[in-house]
Amino acid sequence: MRASDEVQCGSGDVGARGQAPSETARRLDEVGLPRRQPFANKGRRPQEAPPVISVNPAFARIGEENAFAVLAKAAELQRRGHDIVNLGIGQPDFKTPPHIVEAAVKALRDGEHGYTDATGIAPLREAVSEDLQRRLGVEVSPDLVLITPGGKVAMFMAILMFGVPGADILYPDPGFPIYRSMIEFTGARPIPAPMREEHGFAFSAEEALKLMTPETRLVILNSPANPTGGVTPSDEIDKLVAGLAGFPNAAILSDEIYGQLTYDGLAHQSLLAYPEIRDRLILLDGWSKTYAMTGWRLGFSVWPRLWRELARKLAVNSYSCVNSAAQFAGIAALRGPQDSVAAMRDEFDRRRKAVVAGLNRLPGVSAVTPKGAFYAFPNVARTGWKAKPLASALLEEAGVAVISGPDFGVFGEGYLRLSYANSLDNIERALARMQDFLSLRASASARA
């Protein structure tokens, strides 16, 4: 083989013009690896097209969270000089309380720069255990707590753990879009449980239990709920837990990330309070919504002992551990003063009342009062618009960013999601723009 041919073939994996294979090619054959394909001289078309590298076909099924796409589009319009009021993204507009920030700064100054245990540092897991006892009156061993980089990771782990082809996974619809995305990624069958407006978008135990089969491997609950603000009352959870006795092979994932954001004196009912399901219950919670820490990426979960060990292995194989300084901030949040939590909740409550009253004044729009989280989910069916085109028009023509109901599931058509995690002034500006837009379109339609 000429030296020039050796270069032209990359690493000489395949002999040139039918000559004997190179030493590299022989070694590849010995270990069963494919040879590289030969190319023609520089400047000429390849003798053969390079092989197409295929990826796992499951990635064709994975979805995403459209709120981030709307956020990006709104930001692009702002860069072009448009005035946009963003009621699309679900994150508090408050700053993280100063004592929490200072705890992270102190940790950095004290040299907390290295890896930690994959499950989280022991003092943080102990603080989580104390917090659950204080808030919910339940005992949870720190050894069952797993600290994660955001609550979403626990969701990913749980669905990956039970999602296999042939399995059913029940999830709320309208619901957080990553539920269905991850279910489809695993090859399991997504079974949507309708969250109906007439029930205040609360979980219906009767309807959910009718959808369950012997193939159901995981049931996902979310209360208070994203995107609807629905809160499932305790008597409905009682019925669901009683009915789950008939499905002993089904695990339960309870997403309680908004558990401290309930209104009108309504107490949050945690599934941790039911000892009969503790051996198959996974709790998802975190700091993002309660303490205005979305960008810190800090969550926690509680697992049955065996599953917690599997989740620990997933952590080791993926992210290794959570940012160490953020974990010290998490301790300060749970063990420090809680007045900021109450203050944020009171302000959200004030905005909630304003946004619901304003929505119900819009032509063709009606809104039930959300009982938790910081979202309203108005019915826009009588406007004559489909939800997705309406959301796009409101952004591009009225300068108001919202998310369409279908982005949260098959039962989301006819609805929009508005986040009232924004200032009251901005909420009022957005409502005024929506009023002008819908009134103008209604007048134009009437003239036509």
Protein backbone atom coordinates (compact mmCIF):
# COMPACT_ATOMS: atom_id res chain seq x y z
CA MET A 1 0.00 0.00 0.00
CA ARG A 2 1.33 3.41 -0.93
CA ALA A 3 1.76 5.95 1.86
CA SER A 4 -0.61 8.27 0.03
CA ASP A 5 -3.33 5.61 0.03
CA GLU A 6 -2.81 5.03 3.75
CA VAL A 7 -3.53 8.74 4.43
CA GLN A 8 -6.48 8.80 2.10
CA CYS A 9 -8.08 5.95 4.03
CA GLY A 10 -7.96 7.88 7.31
CA SER A 11 -6.16 5.45 9.62
CA GLY A 12 -5.64 2.80 6.98
CA ASP A 13 -8.64 0.76 8.17
CA VAL A 14 -9.35 -0.69 4.72
CA GLY A 15 -6.79 -1.51 2.05
CA ALA A 16 -6.74 0.67 -1.04
CA ARG A 17 -7.93 -0.66 -4.38
CA GLY A 18 -8.48 -4.23 -3.18
CA GLN A 19 -5.08 -4.63 -1.48
CA ALA A 20 -4.66 -6.53 1.77
CA PRO A 21 -6.21 -4.87 4.83
CA SER A 22 -3.97 -2.79 7.03
CA GLU A 23 -2.87 -3.78 10.55
CA THR A 24 -5.54 -1.43 11.98
CA ALA A 25 -8.23 -3.15 9.93
CA ARG A 26 -7.09 -6.60 11.09
CA ARG A 27 -7.28 -5.50 14.73
CA LEU A 28 -10.79 -4.14 14.22
CA ASP A 29 -11.81 -7.48 12.71
CA GLU A 30 -10.40 -9.36 15.70
CA VAL A 31 -12.54 -7.46 18.21
CA GLY A 32 -15.63 -7.37 16.02
CA LEU A 33 -15.67 -3.62 15.35
CA PRO A 34 -16.59 -2.15 11.94
CA ARG A 35 -13.84 -0.81 9.73
CA ARG A 36 -13.82 2.80 8.59
CA GLN A 37 -14.87 3.31 5.00
CA PRO A 38 -12.35 4.43 2.34
CA PHE A 39 -12.54 7.86 0.77
CA ALA A 40 -11.15 9.09 -2.54
CA ASN A 41 -8.34 11.62 -2.89
CA LYS A 42 -8.86 15.05 -1.36
CA GLY A 43 -11.24 17.17 -3.40
CA ARG A 44 -13.04 14.20 -4.94
CA ARG A 45 -16.35 12.63 -3.97
CA PRO A 46 -16.06 9.64 -1.60
CA GLN A 47 -15.99 6.21 -3.14
CA GLU A 48 -18.73 5.29 -0.66
CA ALA A 49 -21.04 7.40 1.48
CA PRO A 50 -20.07 7.34 5.16
CA PRO A 51 -22.26 5.01 7.20
CA VAL A 52 -25.34 6.50 8.84
CA ILE A 53 -24.97 6.34 12.63
CA SER A 54 -28.32 5.42 14.12
CA VAL A 55 -29.47 6.46 17.57
CA ASN A 56 -31.86 4.78 19.96
CA PRO A 57 -35.31 5.05 18.29
CA ALA A 58 -36.78 5.99 21.68
CA PHE A 59 -35.46 9.50 21.08
CA ALA A 60 -38.02 9.89 18.30
CA ARG A 61 -40.70 9.62 20.99
CA ILE A 62 -39.31 12.06 23.53
CA GLY A 63 -41.09 15.39 23.88
CA GLU A 64 -40.29 18.61 25.69
CA GLU A 65 -41.75 21.41 27.78
CA ASN A 66 -43.21 24.08 25.50
CA ALA A 67 -43.04 26.75 28.21
CA PHE A 68 -39.33 27.06 27.47
CA ALA A 69 -39.99 27.45 23.73
CA VAL A 70 -42.48 30.24 24.48
CA LEU A 71 -39.95 31.84 26.82
CA ALA A 72 -37.34 31.80 24.05
CA LYS A 73 -39.76 33.25 21.50
CA ALA A 74 -40.84 35.97 23.91
CA ALA A 75 -37.18 36.82 24.58
CA GLU A 76 -36.51 37.03 20.83
CA LEU A 77 -39.45 39.41 20.34
CA GLN A 78 -38.13 41.53 23.21
CA ARG A 79 -34.72 41.68 21.54
CA ARG A 80 -36.47 43.05 18.46
CA GLY A 81 -37.99 45.82 20.55
CA HIS A 82 -41.41 44.37 21.36
CA ASP A 83 -42.90 44.89 24.81
CA ILE A 84 -43.84 41.42 26.08
CA VAL A 85 -45.61 40.52 29.31
CA ASN A 86 -44.63 36.95 30.13
CA LEU A 87 -47.30 34.90 31.90
CA GLY A 88 -45.96 31.71 30.36
CA ILE A 89 -43.09 30.54 32.53
CA GLY A 90 -43.79 28.91 35.88
CA GLN A 91 -41.20 30.43 38.17
CA PRO A 92 -41.58 32.90 41.03
CA ASP A 93 -40.60 36.48 40.24
CA PHE A 94 -39.14 36.86 43.74
CA LYS A 95 -35.46 36.63 44.59
CA THR A 96 -34.17 33.74 46.68
CA PRO A 97 -34.26 34.89 50.33
CA PRO A 98 -30.91 36.45 51.36
CA HIS A 99 -30.13 34.03 54.20
CA ILE A 100 -30.29 31.15 51.73
CA VAL A 101 -27.96 32.88 49.29
CA GLU A 102 -25.53 33.67 52.10
CA ALA A 103 -25.45 30.03 53.19
CA ALA A 104 -24.27 29.05 49.70
CA VAL A 105 -21.68 31.84 49.65
CA LYS A 106 -20.39 30.74 53.05
CA ALA A 107 -20.15 27.14 51.89
CA LEU A 108 -18.03 28.22 48.92
CA ARG A 109 -15.79 30.35 51.11
CA ASP A 110 -15.45 27.46 53.55
CA GLY A 111 -14.12 25.25 50.78
CA GLU A 112 -17.19 23.11 50.03
CA HIS A 113 -16.08 22.62 46.44
CA GLY A 114 -15.91 18.86 46.01
CA TYR A 115 -18.08 15.87 45.28
CA THR A 116 -20.64 14.83 47.87
CA ASP A 117 -22.46 11.57 48.46
CA ALA A 118 -24.68 10.77 45.47
CA THR A 119 -27.72 10.78 47.77
CA GLY A 120 -26.94 14.23 49.18
CA ILE A 121 -25.06 15.37 52.25
CA ALA A 122 -26.36 13.89 55.49
CA PRO A 123 -27.24 17.24 57.14
CA LEU A 124 -29.49 18.14 54.20
CA ARG A 125 -31.24 14.77 54.21
CA GLU A 126 -31.76 15.18 57.95
CA ALA A 127 -33.19 18.67 57.38
CA VAL A 128 -35.62 17.23 54.82
CA SER A 129 -36.72 14.60 57.34
CA GLU A 130 -37.28 17.29 59.99
CA ASP A 131 -39.22 19.46 57.52
CA LEU A 132 -41.57 16.62 56.58
CA GLN A 133 -42.20 15.93 60.26
CA ARG A 134 -42.87 19.62 60.96
CA ARG A 135 -45.12 20.29 57.97
CA LEU A 136 -46.87 16.97 57.42
CA GLY A 137 -46.53 15.14 60.73
CA VAL A 138 -44.91 12.12 59.08
CA GLU A 139 -41.71 10.31 60.00
CA VAL A 140 -39.26 9.74 57.18
CA SER A 141 -35.78 8.32 57.70
CA PRO A 142 -33.01 10.45 56.15
CA ASP A 143 -31.78 7.15 54.67
CA LEU A 144 -34.84 7.13 52.38
CA VAL A 145 -34.26 10.67 51.09
CA LEU A 146 -32.49 11.32 47.80
CA ILE A 147 -31.34 14.85 46.94
CA THR A 148 -31.60 15.55 43.20
CA PRO A 149 -30.66 18.39 40.81
CA GLY A 150 -34.27 19.62 40.61
CA GLY A 151 -37.51 17.75 41.14
CA LYS A 152 -37.73 16.66 37.51
CA VAL A 153 -34.91 14.14 37.99
CA ALA A 154 -36.97 12.09 40.47
CA MET A 155 -39.75 12.02 37.88
CA PHE A 156 -37.29 10.80 35.26
CA MET A 157 -35.97 8.08 37.58
CA ALA A 158 -39.39 6.81 38.64
CA ILE A 159 -40.78 6.60 35.11
CA LEU A 160 -37.58 4.97 33.87
CA MET A 161 -37.78 2.46 36.71
CA PHE A 162 -41.30 1.26 35.88
CA GLY A 163 -41.76 2.22 32.25
CA VAL A 164 -41.27 -0.80 30.01
CA PRO A 165 -43.03 -1.93 26.82
CA GLY A 166 -46.32 -3.54 27.77
CA ALA A 167 -46.71 -1.56 31.01
CA ASP A 168 -49.37 1.09 31.59
CA ILE A 169 -48.55 4.34 33.38
CA LEU A 170 -51.44 6.52 34.52
CA TYR A 171 -50.80 10.27 34.60
CA PRO A 172 -52.87 13.48 34.99
CA ASP A 173 -54.07 15.22 31.83
CA PRO A 174 -53.89 18.20 31.49
CA GLY A 175 -50.63 17.71 33.35
CA PHE A 176 -46.94 18.49 33.40
CA PRO A 177 -45.81 17.57 29.85
CA ILE A 178 -42.71 15.66 30.94
CA TYR A 179 -44.91 12.90 32.43
CA ARG A 180 -46.14 11.77 29.02
CA SER A 181 -42.85 12.54 27.31
CA MET A 182 -40.90 10.22 29.58
CA ILE A 183 -43.57 7.52 29.53
CA GLU A 184 -43.43 7.39 25.74
CA PHE A 185 -39.63 7.44 25.81
CA THR A 186 -39.59 4.23 27.88
CA GLY A 187 -42.02 2.46 25.53
CA ALA A 188 -44.74 2.13 28.18
CA ARG A 189 -48.36 3.01 27.36
CA PRO A 190 -49.39 6.48 28.56
CA ILE A 191 -52.88 6.39 30.10
CA PRO A 192 -54.24 9.93 30.58
CA ALA A 193 -56.50 10.47 33.60
CA PRO A 194 -58.72 13.50 32.82
CA MET A 195 -58.53 16.49 35.14
CA ARG A 196 -61.96 18.02 34.56
CA GLU A 197 -62.98 21.64 34.95
CA GLU A 198 -66.27 20.67 36.58
CA HIS A 199 -64.28 19.03 39.40
CA GLY A 200 -62.01 22.03 39.85
CA PHE A 201 -59.32 20.15 37.93
CA ALA A 202 -58.90 17.81 40.89
CA PHE A 203 -58.01 14.14 40.56
CA SER A 204 -61.07 11.86 40.40
CA ALA A 205 -60.41 8.61 42.24
CA GLU A 206 -63.35 6.85 40.59
CA GLU A 207 -62.28 7.80 37.09
CA ALA A 208 -58.63 6.97 37.72
CA LEU A 209 -59.35 3.56 39.20
CA LYS A 210 -61.52 2.65 36.21
CA LEU A 211 -58.54 3.32 33.94
CA MET A 212 -56.23 0.99 35.84
CA THR A 213 -55.52 -2.56 34.69
CA PRO A 214 -53.32 -5.45 35.83
CA GLU A 215 -50.68 -3.93 33.51
CA THR A 216 -50.61 -0.63 35.42
CA ARG A 217 -47.12 -0.26 36.86
CA LEU A 218 -47.12 3.38 37.96
CA VAL A 219 -49.73 5.96 38.93
CA ILE A 220 -48.68 9.63 38.89
CA LEU A 221 -50.49 12.21 40.98
CA ASN A 222 -49.86 15.96 41.13
CA SER A 223 -51.59 18.11 43.73
CA PRO A 224 -51.49 21.10 43.78
CA ALA A 225 -51.32 20.77 40.04
CA ASN A 226 -49.48 22.26 37.10
CA PRO A 227 -51.01 23.54 34.78
CA THR A 228 -54.47 23.88 36.31
CA GLY A 229 -53.94 24.93 39.93
CA GLY A 230 -56.27 22.09 40.93
CA VAL A 231 -56.00 20.64 44.44
CA THR A 232 -57.29 17.14 45.13
CA PRO A 233 -59.26 17.10 48.40
CA SER A 234 -58.37 14.62 51.13
CA ASP A 235 -61.57 12.58 50.80
CA GLU A 236 -60.78 11.97 47.12
CA ILE A 237 -57.26 10.85 48.02
CA ASP A 238 -58.76 8.56 50.68
CA LYS A 239 -60.87 6.89 47.96
CA LEU A 240 -57.90 6.56 45.65
CA VAL A 241 -55.66 4.99 48.29
CA ALA A 242 -58.44 2.55 49.24
CA GLY A 243 -58.90 1.58 45.59
CA LEU A 244 -55.18 1.10 45.05
CA ALA A 245 -55.37 -1.90 47.37
CA GLY A 246 -56.82 -3.74 44.37
CA PHE A 247 -53.68 -2.97 42.34
CA PRO A 248 -50.79 -4.13 44.54
CA ASN A 249 -48.33 -4.17 41.64
CA ALA A 250 -48.71 -0.47 40.88
CA ALA A 251 -46.16 2.00 42.24
CA ILE A 252 -47.22 5.56 43.03
CA LEU A 253 -45.38 8.80 42.24
CA SER A 254 -46.76 11.80 44.12
CA ASP A 255 -45.53 15.10 42.70
CA GLU A 256 -45.95 17.56 45.59
CA ILE A 257 -43.62 20.32 44.41
CA TYR A 258 -46.38 22.94 44.99
CA GLY A 259 -47.41 21.51 48.36
CA GLN A 260 -46.85 24.74 50.28
CA LEU A 261 -48.84 26.85 47.83
CA THR A 262 -52.50 26.29 48.72
CA TYR A 263 -55.14 28.95 49.36
CA ASP A 264 -58.48 29.63 51.07
CA GLY A 265 -57.37 27.76 54.18
CA LEU A 266 -57.06 24.52 52.25
CA ALA A 267 -54.40 22.22 53.72
CA HIS A 268 -52.16 20.17 51.48
CA GLN A 269 -52.80 16.43 51.77
CA SER A 270 -49.62 14.42 51.24
CA LEU A 271 -49.66 10.77 50.24
CA LEU A 272 -46.91 10.23 52.81
CA ALA A 273 -49.72 10.29 55.39
CA TYR A 274 -50.99 6.86 54.22
CA PRO A 275 -48.88 4.08 55.78
CA GLU A 276 -50.66 1.41 53.71
CA ILE A 277 -48.92 2.64 50.52
CA ARG A 278 -45.57 3.78 51.92
CA ASP A 279 -43.85 0.62 50.65
CA ARG A 280 -44.64 1.61 47.03
CA LEU A 281 -44.78 5.42 47.22
CA ILE A 282 -42.26 7.84 45.73
CA LEU A 283 -42.54 11.47 46.83
CA LEU A 284 -41.23 14.29 44.63
CA ASP A 285 -40.64 17.73 46.18
CA GLY A 286 -38.04 20.46 46.24
CA TRP A 287 -37.04 24.06 46.79
CA SER A 288 -37.76 25.65 43.40
CA LYS A 289 -41.29 26.95 43.90
CA THR A 290 -41.44 27.33 47.67
CA TYR A 291 -38.21 29.28 48.10
CA ALA A 292 -37.88 30.90 44.64
CA MET A 293 -34.90 28.69 43.77
CA THR A 294 -35.71 27.46 40.25
CA GLY A 295 -32.19 28.14 38.96
CA TRP A 296 -30.47 26.44 41.87
CA ARG A 297 -31.63 23.02 40.60
CA LEU A 298 -32.29 21.45 43.97
CA GLY A 299 -34.97 18.86 44.69
CA PHE A 300 -35.59 15.94 46.97
CA SER A 301 -37.44 12.67 46.82
CA VAL A 302 -38.45 9.95 49.25
CA TRP A 303 -38.32 6.30 48.19
CA PRO A 304 -38.96 2.81 49.55
CA ARG A 305 -35.57 1.44 50.58
CA LEU A 306 -34.99 -0.94 47.65
CA TRP A 307 -36.04 1.61 45.03
CA ARG A 308 -33.97 4.30 46.68
CA GLU A 309 -30.89 2.15 46.15
CA LEU A 310 -31.78 1.81 42.46
CA ALA A 311 -32.28 5.57 42.23
CA ARG A 312 -28.89 6.07 43.92
CA LYS A 313 -27.27 3.96 41.21
CA LEU A 314 -28.97 6.04 38.53
CA ALA A 315 -27.55 9.14 40.23
CA VAL A 316 -24.05 7.66 40.25
CA ASN A 317 -24.37 6.78 36.57
CA SER A 318 -25.63 10.20 35.51
CA TYR A 319 -25.00 13.36 37.54
CA SER A 320 -22.78 11.93 40.35
CA CYS A 321 -24.05 14.37 42.98
CA VAL A 322 -25.84 17.68 43.45
CA ASN A 323 -23.84 20.92 43.57
CA SER A 324 -22.36 21.01 47.06
CA ALA A 325 -22.89 24.73 47.81
CA ALA A 326 -26.53 24.49 46.73
CA GLN A 327 -27.06 21.72 49.29
CA PHE A 328 -25.93 24.02 52.10
CA ALA A 329 -28.37 26.60 50.77
CA GLY A 330 -31.08 23.95 51.00
CA ILE A 331 -30.32 23.41 54.69
CA ALA A 332 -30.64 27.14 55.35
CA ALA A 333 -33.98 27.21 53.53
CA LEU A 334 -35.50 24.39 55.58
CA ARG A 335 -34.02 25.28 58.97
CA GLY A 336 -34.08 29.07 58.64
CA PRO A 337 -36.96 31.53 58.95
CA GLN A 338 -40.07 30.66 56.94
CA ASP A 339 -41.58 34.16 56.79
CA SER A 340 -40.54 34.56 53.14
CA VAL A 341 -42.60 31.48 52.23
CA ALA A 342 -45.69 32.96 53.86
CA ALA A 343 -45.07 36.36 52.25
CA MET A 344 -44.74 34.87 48.76
CA ARG A 345 -47.85 32.75 49.26
CA ASP A 346 -49.85 35.80 50.39
CA GLU A 347 -48.73 37.75 47.33
CA PHE A 348 -49.58 34.85 45.01
CA ASP A 349 -53.01 34.74 46.63
CA ARG A 350 -53.56 38.44 45.91
CA ARG A 351 -52.56 37.94 42.29
CA ARG A 352 -54.69 34.80 42.00
CA LYS A 353 -57.82 36.74 42.89
CA ALA A 354 -56.94 39.52 40.46
CA VAL A 355 -56.18 37.20 37.55
CA VAL A 356 -59.36 35.13 37.98
CA ALA A 357 -61.55 38.25 38.23
CA GLY A 358 -59.86 39.74 35.16
CA LEU A 359 -60.16 36.56 33.09
CA ASN A 360 -63.85 36.26 33.83
CA ARG A 361 -64.37 39.75 32.40
CA LEU A 362 -62.82 38.83 29.05
CA PRO A 363 -65.19 38.11 26.14
CA GLY A 364 -65.67 34.37 25.65
CA VAL A 365 -63.46 33.45 28.61
CA SER A 366 -64.32 31.79 31.91
CA ALA A 367 -62.00 30.69 34.71
CA VAL A 368 -62.52 28.56 37.79
CA THR A 369 -60.60 29.71 40.85
CA PRO A 370 -57.40 27.67 41.30
CA LYS A 371 -56.88 26.31 44.81
CA GLY A 372 -53.10 25.92 44.63
CA ALA A 373 -49.79 26.50 42.77
CA PHE A 374 -49.60 29.76 40.79
CA TYR A 375 -51.49 29.01 37.59
CA ALA A 376 -54.90 29.82 36.17
CA PHE A 377 -56.35 27.59 33.45
CA PRO A 378 -59.12 29.58 31.75
CA ASN A 379 -61.61 28.08 29.32
CA VAL A 380 -61.40 29.95 26.00
CA ALA A 381 -63.68 27.73 23.92
CA ARG A 382 -66.33 30.43 23.55
CA THR A 383 -63.85 32.85 21.96
CA GLY A 384 -64.08 30.84 18.75
CA TRP A 385 -60.33 30.20 18.78
CA LYS A 386 -58.43 26.96 19.08
CA ALA A 387 -56.02 27.20 21.98
CA LYS A 388 -52.69 27.02 20.13
CA PRO A 389 -53.49 29.68 17.50
CA LEU A 390 -54.88 31.92 20.23
CA ALA A 391 -51.74 31.58 22.33
CA SER A 392 -49.58 32.41 19.29
CA ALA A 393 -51.72 35.42 18.35
CA LEU A 394 -51.68 36.78 21.89
CA LEU A 395 -47.88 36.64 21.90
CA GLU A 396 -47.26 38.04 18.43
CA GLU A 397 -50.10 40.58 18.22
CA ALA A 398 -50.90 41.49 21.83
CA GLY A 399 -47.51 40.98 23.45
CA VAL A 400 -48.75 38.50 26.06
CA ALA A 401 -46.98 35.17 26.52
CA VAL A 402 -49.19 32.29 27.68
CA ILE A 403 -49.13 28.52 27.09
CA SER A 404 -51.83 26.66 25.18
CA GLY A 405 -53.76 23.87 26.90
CA PRO A 406 -52.85 21.18 24.33
CA ASP A 407 -49.20 21.60 25.36
CA PHE A 408 -50.28 19.90 28.60
CA GLY A 409 -52.16 16.98 27.11
CA VAL A 410 -54.96 15.64 25.00
CA PHE A 411 -57.62 17.10 27.33
CA GLY A 412 -56.11 20.58 27.21
CA GLU A 413 -57.86 21.85 24.09
CA GLY A 414 -60.02 24.88 24.77
CA TYR A 415 -57.79 26.18 27.59
CA LEU A 416 -54.78 28.41 28.18
CA ARG A 417 -52.35 28.40 31.09
CA LEU A 418 -51.45 31.72 32.68
CA SER A 419 -48.84 31.94 35.41
CA TYR A 420 -49.49 34.58 38.04
CA ALA A 421 -45.90 34.30 39.26
CA ASN A 422 -45.44 37.81 37.92
CA SER A 423 -46.10 41.25 39.35
CA LEU A 424 -49.66 42.48 39.80
CA ASP A 425 -48.88 45.42 37.50
CA ASN A 426 -47.77 43.05 34.74
CA ILE A 427 -50.81 40.83 35.25
CA GLU A 428 -53.12 43.82 34.90
CA ARG A 429 -51.27 44.97 31.76
CA ALA A 430 -51.59 41.49 30.26
CA LEU A 431 -55.30 41.28 31.03
CA ALA A 432 -55.90 44.70 29.47
CA ARG A 433 -54.10 43.63 26.30
CA MET A 434 -56.07 40.39 26.15
CA GLN A 435 -59.28 42.40 26.59
CA ASP A 436 -58.39 44.70 23.69
CA PHE A 437 -57.32 41.83 21.47
CA LEU A 438 -60.39 39.66 22.05
CA SER A 439 -62.83 42.59 21.85
CA LEU A 440 -61.32 43.79 18.58
CA ARG A 441 -61.44 40.31 17.06
CA ALA A 442 -65.03 39.82 18.29
CA SER A 443 -66.06 43.14 16.72
CA ALA A 444 -64.36 42.28 13.43
CA SER A 445 -66.07 38.88 13.40
CA ALA A 446 -69.45 40.48 14.05
CA ARG A 447 -68.97 42.98 11.19
CA ALA A 448 -68.03 40.15 8.85
